[in-house]
Each structure stands twice: as structure tokens, then as C-alpha cells.
Amino acid sequence: MKLEQKMMLWSDRKAAPGETDSFQPYLTPYLLPGDKVRGCVIVLPGGGYHARAPHEGGVVAERFNSLGFHAFVLEYRVAPYRWPAPQEDALRAVKIVRAHADEWKIKPDKIAVLGRGRPEVYPDGHAFPTNTGRRRRDPPCREAAGMNRSALCPPDM
């Protein structure tokens, strides 16, 4: 299934105080071909709020593809942004994937988030709020944001 290379998370720009760059968070899809409905993993590359490690994104998503899962890499906000910006982006990513589950052949109850950084940077399922409000005009906001599984893979463990 062919999707745009970058899927923007937000329709409006989320600027940090004093921020000068034009970065916008986005998802890169790694969807397997065919009509089989599959589980999905959203990969958050590590970097400790300062950066996103490029070697922890696409390679990890492709590995999940080889195991039979759809995958996405989330390029989320890092410095100069601060908490809770990365968590807001992760919640939004889950909502977007769940909102398009039928179209993208994803099991909406089989969405996992894989954090590739320090444990305090990526909340596990208990720390992730399950919903942050519902706006009628924004279809992803009508979806629950709670992931079905989460995994923390810090580099020093």
C-alpha cells in the first residue's frame, strides 16, 4: 500500500517558545503489501529529548516488517521543545494510526509503541494518558490514544 512518505501529525504548527526552526512532527509509514490485517508498531527513535537517532528508526521498522507487522517511525519534537511535547506527538500518532486502521489494514487493538531511548523519556502504557480530549472536526482526536502494548529499549539495558 502506497502512502505519502511523510504524514504530518498536526494540521497547525506547534512552535516552542523562542523556537526558530520549521520542524513539524511526522510519521513515516512502513506498511506491508496485501490485504492481511496486521498488528502495528510505532517506533520512537531515542535521543533523550535532544535529538532523534536516525539509526534507530527505519531499520527497526523494517525489522518489524520482516516479522509480519506494519510499522511507522515517529519523528517527534525534541529540543528546544520540552515535555510534554514528545508525549503529545506519541499520543497523536497512536490516534492517527487507529483512525486509519481499516484503510491501512491494521488491527486497532494491536497497536504497540516502541521507545528506543531512556526509560524516563518514553512513558510506558501506565504513564500514557488514554485520551486527551475529543474534537469533532479532527477525526484522529475521536480515537482513544492508549496503546495496546509498549516496550522500552534503552541502549544501556
C-alpha atoms as a PDB file:
ATOM      1  CA  MET A   1       0.000   0.000   0.000  1.00  0.00           C
ATOM      2  CA  LYS A   2       1.495   3.319  -1.067  1.00  0.00           C
ATOM      3  CA  LEU A   3       1.232   6.218   1.359  1.00  0.00           C
ATOM      4  CA  GLU A   4       2.863   9.601   1.384  1.00  0.00           C
ATOM      5  CA  GLN A   5       6.426   9.367   2.611  1.00  0.00           C
ATOM      6  CA  LYS A   6       5.712  11.799   5.447  1.00  0.00           C
ATOM      7  CA  MET A   7       2.403  12.055   7.251  1.00  0.00           C
ATOM      8  CA  MET A   8       2.246  15.237   9.298  1.00  0.00           C
ATOM      9  CA  LEU A   9       0.856  14.812  12.811  1.00  0.00           C
ATOM     10  CA  TRP A  10      -0.667  18.227  13.235  1.00  0.00           C
ATOM     11  CA  SER A  11      -2.518  20.465  10.792  1.00  0.00           C
ATOM     12  CA  ASP A  12      -1.232  23.570  12.564  1.00  0.00           C
ATOM     13  CA  ARG A  13       2.356  24.341  13.508  1.00  0.00           C
ATOM     14  CA  LYS A  14       3.341  23.586  17.119  1.00  0.00           C
ATOM     15  CA  ALA A  15       6.073  26.119  17.907  1.00  0.00           C
ATOM     16  CA  ALA A  16       8.190  26.065  21.047  1.00  0.00           C
ATOM     17  CA  PRO A  17       8.807  29.340  22.897  1.00  0.00           C
ATOM     18  CA  GLY A  18      11.679  31.102  21.130  1.00  0.00           C
ATOM     19  CA  GLU A  19      11.904  28.315  18.529  1.00  0.00           C
ATOM     20  CA  THR A  20      13.274  29.308  15.134  1.00  0.00           C
ATOM     21  CA  ASP A  21      13.344  26.116  13.056  1.00  0.00           C
ATOM     22  CA  SER A  22      10.420  24.856  10.989  1.00  0.00           C
ATOM     23  CA  PHE A  23      10.310  21.242  12.231  1.00  0.00           C
ATOM     24  CA  GLN A  24       6.919  19.574  12.268  1.00  0.00           C
ATOM     25  CA  PRO A  25       6.436  16.077  13.760  1.00  0.00           C
ATOM     26  CA  TYR A  26       5.516  13.346  11.288  1.00  0.00           C
ATOM     27  CA  LEU A  27       5.086   9.610  10.755  1.00  0.00           C
ATOM     28  CA  THR A  28       6.933   7.618   8.106  1.00  0.00           C
ATOM     29  CA  PRO A  29       4.895   4.519   7.128  1.00  0.00           C
ATOM     30  CA  TYR A  30       6.340   1.037   6.647  1.00  0.00           C
ATOM     31  CA  LEU A  31       3.206  -0.833   5.565  1.00  0.00           C
ATOM     32  CA  LEU A  32       3.344  -4.339   4.186  1.00  0.00           C
ATOM     33  CA  PRO A  33       1.574  -5.066   0.889  1.00  0.00           C
ATOM     34  CA  GLY A  34      -1.601  -7.109   0.665  1.00  0.00           C
ATOM     35  CA  ASP A  35      -4.980  -7.242   2.342  1.00  0.00           C
ATOM     36  CA  LYS A  36      -3.992  -9.081   5.508  1.00  0.00           C
ATOM     37  CA  VAL A  37      -4.953  -7.144   8.647  1.00  0.00           C
ATOM     38  CA  ARG A  38      -1.936  -6.977  10.968  1.00  0.00           C
ATOM     39  CA  GLY A  39      -0.655  -5.548  14.191  1.00  0.00           C
ATOM     40  CA  CYS A  40       1.381  -2.366  14.078  1.00  0.00           C
ATOM     41  CA  VAL A  41       4.419  -0.942  15.892  1.00  0.00           C
ATOM     42  CA  ILE A  42       5.119   2.782  16.152  1.00  0.00           C
ATOM     43  CA  VAL A  43       8.875   3.274  16.626  1.00  0.00           C
ATOM     44  CA  LEU A  44      10.152   6.290  18.564  1.00  0.00           C
ATOM     45  CA  PRO A  45      13.903   6.654  17.951  1.00  0.00           C
ATOM     46  CA  GLY A  46      15.937   7.535  21.048  1.00  0.00           C
ATOM     47  CA  GLY A  47      17.887  10.690  21.683  1.00  0.00           C
ATOM     48  CA  GLY A  48      16.985  11.858  25.186  1.00  0.00           C
ATOM     49  CA  TYR A  49      14.905  14.895  24.132  1.00  0.00           C
ATOM     50  CA  HIS A  50      17.939  16.396  22.356  1.00  0.00           C
ATOM     51  CA  ALA A  51      17.770  14.580  19.009  1.00  0.00           C
ATOM     52  CA  ARG A  52      16.314  11.525  17.293  1.00  0.00           C
ATOM     53  CA  ALA A  53      18.819   8.805  16.402  1.00  0.00           C
ATOM     54  CA  PRO A  54      18.395   8.110  12.665  1.00  0.00           C
ATOM     55  CA  HIS A  55      19.824   4.583  13.001  1.00  0.00           C
ATOM     56  CA  GLU A  56      17.012   3.642  15.421  1.00  0.00           C
ATOM     57  CA  GLY A  57      14.087   4.375  13.095  1.00  0.00           C
ATOM     58  CA  GLY A  58      13.802   2.834   9.652  1.00  0.00           C
ATOM     59  CA  VAL A  59      15.996  -0.188  10.405  1.00  0.00           C
ATOM     60  CA  VAL A  60      13.846  -1.072  13.414  1.00  0.00           C
ATOM     61  CA  ALA A  61      10.617  -0.569  11.416  1.00  0.00           C
ATOM     62  CA  GLU A  62      11.925  -2.811   8.634  1.00  0.00           C
ATOM     63  CA  ARG A  63      12.779  -5.489  11.191  1.00  0.00           C
ATOM     64  CA  PHE A  64       9.183  -5.429  12.425  1.00  0.00           C
ATOM     65  CA  ASN A  65       8.045  -5.683   8.781  1.00  0.00           C
ATOM     66  CA  SER A  66      10.169  -8.837   8.428  1.00  0.00           C
ATOM     67  CA  LEU A  67       8.301 -10.249  11.441  1.00  0.00           C
ATOM     68  CA  GLY A  68       4.908  -9.576   9.808  1.00  0.00           C
ATOM     69  CA  PHE A  69       3.961  -6.240  11.418  1.00  0.00           C
ATOM     70  CA  HIS A  70       3.115  -2.925   9.850  1.00  0.00           C
ATOM     71  CA  ALA A  71       5.304  -0.168  11.291  1.00  0.00           C
ATOM     72  CA  PHE A  72       5.674   3.589  11.484  1.00  0.00           C
ATOM     73  CA  VAL A  73       8.608   5.731  12.583  1.00  0.00           C
ATOM     74  CA  LEU A  74       7.593   8.781  14.573  1.00  0.00           C
ATOM     75  CA  GLU A  75       9.762  11.869  14.173  1.00  0.00           C
ATOM     76  CA  TYR A  76       8.628  13.667  17.309  1.00  0.00           C
ATOM     77  CA  ARG A  77       9.518  17.031  18.822  1.00  0.00           C
ATOM     78  CA  VAL A  78      12.818  17.322  20.712  1.00  0.00           C
ATOM     79  CA  ALA A  79      14.835  20.329  21.970  1.00  0.00           C
ATOM     80  CA  PRO A  80      14.041  23.194  22.006  1.00  0.00           C
ATOM     81  CA  TYR A  81      10.658  21.617  22.776  1.00  0.00           C
ATOM     82  CA  ARG A  82      10.123  20.247  26.264  1.00  0.00           C
ATOM     83  CA  TRP A  83       7.886  17.719  27.965  1.00  0.00           C
ATOM     84  CA  PRO A  84       5.048  17.047  27.274  1.00  0.00           C
ATOM     85  CA  ALA A  85       5.636  17.746  23.534  1.00  0.00           C
ATOM     86  CA  PRO A  86       7.147  14.291  22.727  1.00  0.00           C
ATOM     87  CA  GLN A  87       4.353  12.515  24.593  1.00  0.00           C
ATOM     88  CA  GLU A  88       1.706  14.622  22.821  1.00  0.00           C
ATOM     89  CA  ASP A  89       3.228  13.587  19.498  1.00  0.00           C
ATOM     90  CA  ALA A  90       3.222   9.908  20.504  1.00  0.00           C
ATOM     91  CA  LEU A  91      -0.417  10.098  21.595  1.00  0.00           C
ATOM     92  CA  ARG A  92      -1.340  11.792  18.344  1.00  0.00           C
ATOM     93  CA  ALA A  93       0.500   9.123  16.327  1.00  0.00           C
ATOM     94  CA  VAL A  94      -1.485   6.339  18.038  1.00  0.00           C
ATOM     95  CA  LYS A  95      -4.724   8.201  17.350  1.00  0.00           C
ATOM     96  CA  ILE A  96      -3.861   8.709  13.666  1.00  0.00           C
ATOM     97  CA  VAL A  97      -2.945   5.055  13.176  1.00  0.00           C
ATOM     98  CA  ARG A  98      -6.106   3.904  14.962  1.00  0.00           C
ATOM     99  CA  ALA A  99      -8.283   6.344  12.944  1.00  0.00           C
ATOM    100  CA  HIS A 100      -6.928   4.835   9.691  1.00  0.00           C
ATOM    101  CA  ALA A 101      -6.815   1.221  10.879  1.00  0.00           C
ATOM    102  CA  ASP A 102      -9.386  -0.084   8.367  1.00  0.00           C
ATOM    103  CA  GLU A 103      -7.833   1.743   5.428  1.00  0.00           C
ATOM    104  CA  TRP A 104      -4.267   0.664   6.303  1.00  0.00           C
ATOM    105  CA  LYS A 105      -5.214  -2.935   7.264  1.00  0.00           C
ATOM    106  CA  ILE A 106      -4.169  -2.515  10.917  1.00  0.00           C
ATOM    107  CA  LYS A 107      -5.790  -4.264  13.874  1.00  0.00           C
ATOM    108  CA  PRO A 108      -6.913  -1.314  16.024  1.00  0.00           C
ATOM    109  CA  ASP A 109      -6.483  -3.385  19.192  1.00  0.00           C
ATOM    110  CA  LYS A 110      -2.911  -4.400  18.245  1.00  0.00           C
ATOM    111  CA  ILE A 111      -1.029  -1.092  18.188  1.00  0.00           C
ATOM    112  CA  ALA A 112       2.266  -1.027  20.077  1.00  0.00           C
ATOM    113  CA  VAL A 113       4.732   1.769  20.784  1.00  0.00           C
ATOM    114  CA  LEU A 114       8.451   1.009  20.955  1.00  0.00           C
ATOM    115  CA  GLY A 115      10.555   3.636  22.722  1.00  0.00           C
ATOM    116  CA  ARG A 116      14.245   3.465  21.796  1.00  0.00           C
ATOM    117  CA  GLY A 117      15.591   5.768  24.489  1.00  0.00           C
ATOM    118  CA  ARG A 118      15.997   6.250  28.193  1.00  0.00           C
ATOM    119  CA  PRO A 119      13.046   4.932  30.239  1.00  0.00           C
ATOM    120  CA  GLU A 120      12.211   8.315  31.716  1.00  0.00           C
ATOM    121  CA  VAL A 121      11.879   9.775  28.216  1.00  0.00           C
ATOM    122  CA  TYR A 122       9.283   7.316  26.867  1.00  0.00           C
ATOM    123  CA  PRO A 123       6.388   6.585  29.179  1.00  0.00           C
ATOM    124  CA  ASP A 124       5.117   3.050  29.348  1.00  0.00           C
ATOM    125  CA  GLY A 125       1.452   2.207  28.978  1.00  0.00           C
ATOM    126  CA  HIS A 126       0.696   3.161  32.582  1.00  0.00           C
ATOM    127  CA  ALA A 127       2.077   6.692  32.198  1.00  0.00           C
ATOM    128  CA  PHE A 128       0.379   7.354  28.849  1.00  0.00           C
ATOM    129  CA  PRO A 129      -2.996   9.023  29.299  1.00  0.00           C
ATOM    130  CA  THR A 130      -5.561   7.195  27.188  1.00  0.00           C
ATOM    131  CA  ASN A 131      -7.257  10.266  25.789  1.00  0.00           C
ATOM    132  CA  THR A 132      -6.560  13.982  25.646  1.00  0.00           C
ATOM    133  CA  GLY A 133      -9.932  15.273  24.529  1.00  0.00           C
ATOM    134  CA  ARG A 134     -12.195  14.913  21.544  1.00  0.00           C
ATOM    135  CA  ARG A 135     -12.788  17.471  18.827  1.00  0.00           C
ATOM    136  CA  ARG A 136     -15.490  16.692  16.313  1.00  0.00           C
ATOM    137  CA  ARG A 137     -13.716  18.206  13.305  1.00  0.00           C
ATOM    138  CA  ASP A 138     -10.480  16.271  13.810  1.00  0.00           C
ATOM    139  CA  PRO A 139     -11.139  12.533  13.188  1.00  0.00           C
ATOM    140  CA  PRO A 140      -7.967  11.271  14.923  1.00  0.00           C
ATOM    141  CA  CYS A 141      -8.998  13.136  18.094  1.00  0.00           C
ATOM    142  CA  ARG A 142     -12.106  10.976  18.313  1.00  0.00           C
ATOM    143  CA  GLU A 143      -9.915   7.892  18.736  1.00  0.00           C
ATOM    144  CA  ALA A 144      -8.561   6.519  22.005  1.00  0.00           C
ATOM    145  CA  ALA A 145      -4.855   7.255  22.374  1.00  0.00           C
ATOM    146  CA  GLY A 146      -3.957   4.354  24.638  1.00  0.00           C
ATOM    147  CA  MET A 147      -1.633   1.882  23.005  1.00  0.00           C
ATOM    148  CA  ASN A 148      -2.220  -1.848  23.400  1.00  0.00           C
ATOM    149  CA  ARG A 149       1.422  -2.660  24.166  1.00  0.00           C
ATOM    150  CA  SER A 150       4.568  -0.701  24.857  1.00  0.00           C
ATOM    151  CA  ALA A 151       8.223  -1.620  25.029  1.00  0.00           C
ATOM    152  CA  LEU A 152      11.151   0.383  26.311  1.00  0.00           C
ATOM    153  CA  CYS A 153      14.504  -0.433  24.753  1.00  0.00           C
ATOM    154  CA  PRO A 154      17.099   1.853  26.331  1.00  0.00           C
ATOM    155  CA  PRO A 155      20.589   1.465  24.908  1.00  0.00           C
ATOM    156  CA  ASP A 156      22.223   0.751  28.255  1.00  0.00           C
ATOM    157  CA  MET A 157      19.969  -2.143  29.300  1.00  0.00           C
END
